[in-house]
Amino acid sequence: MTEPPPSVDSELATRLRLAVGRLARRIRLATNDIPPLQLSALATLDKHGPLRSGELAAREAVTAPTMTRVLSSLAERGLVIREPDPTDARSVRVSLSPAGVETLARIRSERTALLGARVARLSDEQRAAIVAALPALESLVEED
């Protein structure tokens, strides 16, 4: 287990981890009609466009068999389209179907509305604190 560097307040890191984790869980549970890995795969396809299954598995940090099961479930629901890869006849590229685009937009909208309702309950000072903290929070999620 990695300990925070001495310059980082351990209590701050713990409180942030708990708050962010609990908030993310509440948001996820409110719109749980698609399992997290399936939703993440949809979001990755939305961001990066059509991908081979192996490329998608690598981006999601899962094994190829796991991604095959994820894509099978998404295809059964009509959320992705599988098409032959134009550059490699042995491969298939996966992309979002119109229903996948719509489902992803709906879930994002529902989650934004849920979070918006929670933010609306905060005081003006608390909202200002969140606005001030956003650049720091956003930098925490940037890729290394």
Protein backbone atom coordinates (compact mmCIF):
# COMPACT_ATOMS: atom_id res chain seq x y z
CA MET A 1 0.00 0.00 0.00
CA THR A 2 1.35 3.41 -0.93
CA GLU A 3 1.58 5.98 1.83
CA PRO A 4 1.01 9.66 1.01
CA PRO A 5 4.22 11.68 0.74
CA PRO A 6 5.19 13.40 4.01
CA SER A 7 4.07 16.75 2.61
CA VAL A 8 0.50 15.48 2.10
CA ASP A 9 -1.82 15.56 5.05
CA SER A 10 -2.99 11.98 5.55
CA GLU A 11 -6.30 13.12 7.00
CA LEU A 12 -6.93 15.31 3.92
CA ALA A 13 -6.24 12.38 1.59
CA THR A 14 -8.51 10.11 3.63
CA ARG A 15 -11.37 12.59 3.77
CA LEU A 16 -11.10 13.33 0.06
CA ARG A 17 -11.04 9.61 -0.81
CA LEU A 18 -14.12 8.93 1.30
CA ALA A 19 -16.08 11.94 0.07
CA VAL A 20 -15.32 11.36 -3.60
CA GLY A 21 -15.90 7.61 -3.31
CA ARG A 22 -19.21 7.95 -1.51
CA LEU A 23 -20.45 10.66 -3.86
CA ALA A 24 -19.50 8.60 -6.92
CA ARG A 25 -21.23 5.54 -5.44
CA ARG A 26 -24.45 7.45 -4.77
CA ILE A 27 -24.47 8.80 -8.30
CA ARG A 28 -23.77 5.34 -9.75
CA LEU A 29 -26.48 3.67 -7.68
CA ALA A 30 -29.09 6.21 -8.76
CA THR A 31 -28.61 5.23 -12.41
CA ASN A 32 -27.59 1.59 -12.19
CA ASP A 33 -29.38 0.17 -15.22
CA ILE A 34 -26.01 -0.58 -16.84
CA PRO A 35 -23.13 -2.18 -14.90
CA PRO A 36 -20.10 0.09 -14.36
CA LEU A 37 -17.73 -1.68 -16.77
CA GLN A 38 -20.34 -1.69 -19.53
CA LEU A 39 -21.00 2.01 -18.98
CA SER A 40 -17.28 2.73 -18.96
CA ALA A 41 -16.88 0.85 -22.25
CA LEU A 42 -19.68 2.93 -23.78
CA ALA A 43 -18.02 6.14 -22.59
CA THR A 44 -14.66 5.04 -23.99
CA LEU A 45 -16.23 4.26 -27.37
CA ASP A 46 -17.94 7.65 -27.28
CA LYS A 47 -14.64 9.40 -26.57
CA HIS A 48 -12.36 7.44 -28.92
CA GLY A 49 -14.68 6.25 -31.66
CA PRO A 50 -14.74 2.73 -33.08
CA LEU A 51 -12.16 0.42 -31.52
CA ARG A 52 -11.14 -3.19 -31.77
CA SER A 53 -12.15 -5.30 -28.81
CA GLY A 54 -8.52 -5.70 -27.74
CA GLU A 55 -7.94 -1.94 -27.87
CA LEU A 56 -11.03 -1.37 -25.78
CA ALA A 57 -9.94 -4.04 -23.28
CA ALA A 58 -6.55 -2.35 -22.94
CA ARG A 59 -8.12 1.08 -22.39
CA GLU A 60 -10.45 -0.40 -19.75
CA ALA A 61 -7.61 -2.42 -18.16
CA VAL A 62 -9.46 -5.73 -18.41
CA THR A 63 -8.71 -9.03 -20.12
CA ALA A 64 -9.85 -9.77 -23.65
CA PRO A 65 -12.34 -12.45 -22.48
CA THR A 66 -13.87 -9.98 -20.02
CA MET A 67 -14.27 -7.40 -22.76
CA THR A 68 -15.81 -10.01 -25.05
CA ARG A 69 -18.49 -10.67 -22.39
CA VAL A 70 -19.05 -6.93 -21.89
CA LEU A 71 -19.45 -6.34 -25.61
CA SER A 72 -21.77 -9.33 -25.96
CA SER A 73 -24.04 -7.88 -23.28
CA LEU A 74 -23.97 -4.44 -24.88
CA ALA A 75 -24.68 -5.91 -28.31
CA GLU A 76 -27.63 -7.91 -26.93
CA ARG A 77 -29.06 -4.64 -25.63
CA GLY A 78 -28.48 -2.99 -29.00
CA LEU A 79 -26.04 -0.45 -27.56
CA VAL A 80 -23.03 -1.26 -29.76
CA ILE A 81 -22.47 -2.23 -33.36
CA ARG A 82 -19.82 -4.69 -34.48
CA GLU A 83 -18.46 -4.23 -37.99
CA PRO A 84 -15.53 -5.75 -39.88
CA ASP A 85 -12.34 -3.76 -39.50
CA PRO A 86 -11.61 -2.19 -42.89
CA THR A 87 -7.85 -2.57 -42.32
CA ASP A 88 -7.89 -6.17 -41.05
CA ALA A 89 -10.50 -8.66 -42.26
CA ARG A 90 -9.86 -10.90 -39.23
CA SER A 91 -10.80 -8.16 -36.76
CA VAL A 92 -13.99 -6.45 -35.73
CA ARG A 93 -14.41 -2.83 -34.73
CA VAL A 94 -17.01 -1.86 -32.18
CA SER A 95 -18.85 1.46 -32.09
CA LEU A 96 -21.84 2.95 -30.34
CA SER A 97 -25.22 2.34 -31.91
CA PRO A 98 -27.77 5.17 -31.96
CA ALA A 99 -29.37 3.50 -28.93
CA GLY A 100 -25.95 3.44 -27.23
CA VAL A 101 -25.47 7.15 -27.87
CA GLU A 102 -28.94 7.86 -26.51
CA THR A 103 -28.46 5.65 -23.44
CA LEU A 104 -25.12 7.21 -22.60
CA ALA A 105 -26.55 10.73 -22.98
CA ARG A 106 -29.52 9.82 -20.77
CA ILE A 107 -27.36 8.38 -18.00
CA ARG A 108 -24.99 11.34 -18.11
CA SER A 109 -27.96 13.72 -17.95
CA GLU A 110 -29.53 11.84 -15.03
CA ARG A 111 -26.25 11.83 -13.12
CA THR A 112 -25.67 15.52 -13.78
CA ALA A 113 -29.20 16.31 -12.58
CA LEU A 114 -28.68 14.23 -9.44
CA LEU A 115 -25.43 15.98 -8.66
CA GLY A 116 -26.97 19.36 -9.52
CA ALA A 117 -29.75 18.74 -6.99
CA ARG A 118 -27.18 17.94 -4.31
CA VAL A 119 -25.11 21.03 -5.16
CA ALA A 120 -28.27 23.17 -5.03
CA ARG A 121 -28.71 22.19 -1.37
CA LEU A 122 -25.34 23.71 -0.47
CA SER A 123 -24.88 27.23 0.79
CA ASP A 124 -23.48 29.92 -1.50
CA GLU A 125 -20.18 29.68 0.37
CA GLN A 126 -20.00 25.90 -0.07
CA ARG A 127 -20.72 26.19 -3.80
CA ALA A 128 -18.02 28.87 -4.12
CA ALA A 129 -15.59 26.55 -2.34
CA ILE A 130 -16.35 23.79 -4.85
CA VAL A 131 -15.86 26.19 -7.76
CA ALA A 132 -12.52 27.24 -6.29
CA ALA A 133 -11.49 23.59 -5.77
CA LEU A 134 -12.47 22.37 -9.25
CA PRO A 135 -9.12 23.12 -10.94
CA ALA A 136 -7.29 21.14 -8.25
CA LEU A 137 -9.79 18.27 -8.44
CA GLU A 138 -9.58 18.20 -12.22
CA SER A 139 -5.80 18.01 -12.06
CA LEU A 140 -6.10 14.95 -9.80
CA VAL A 141 -7.80 13.00 -12.59
CA GLU A 142 -5.41 13.97 -15.38
CA GLU A 143 -3.31 11.18 -16.80
CA ASP A 144 0.31 11.04 -15.71
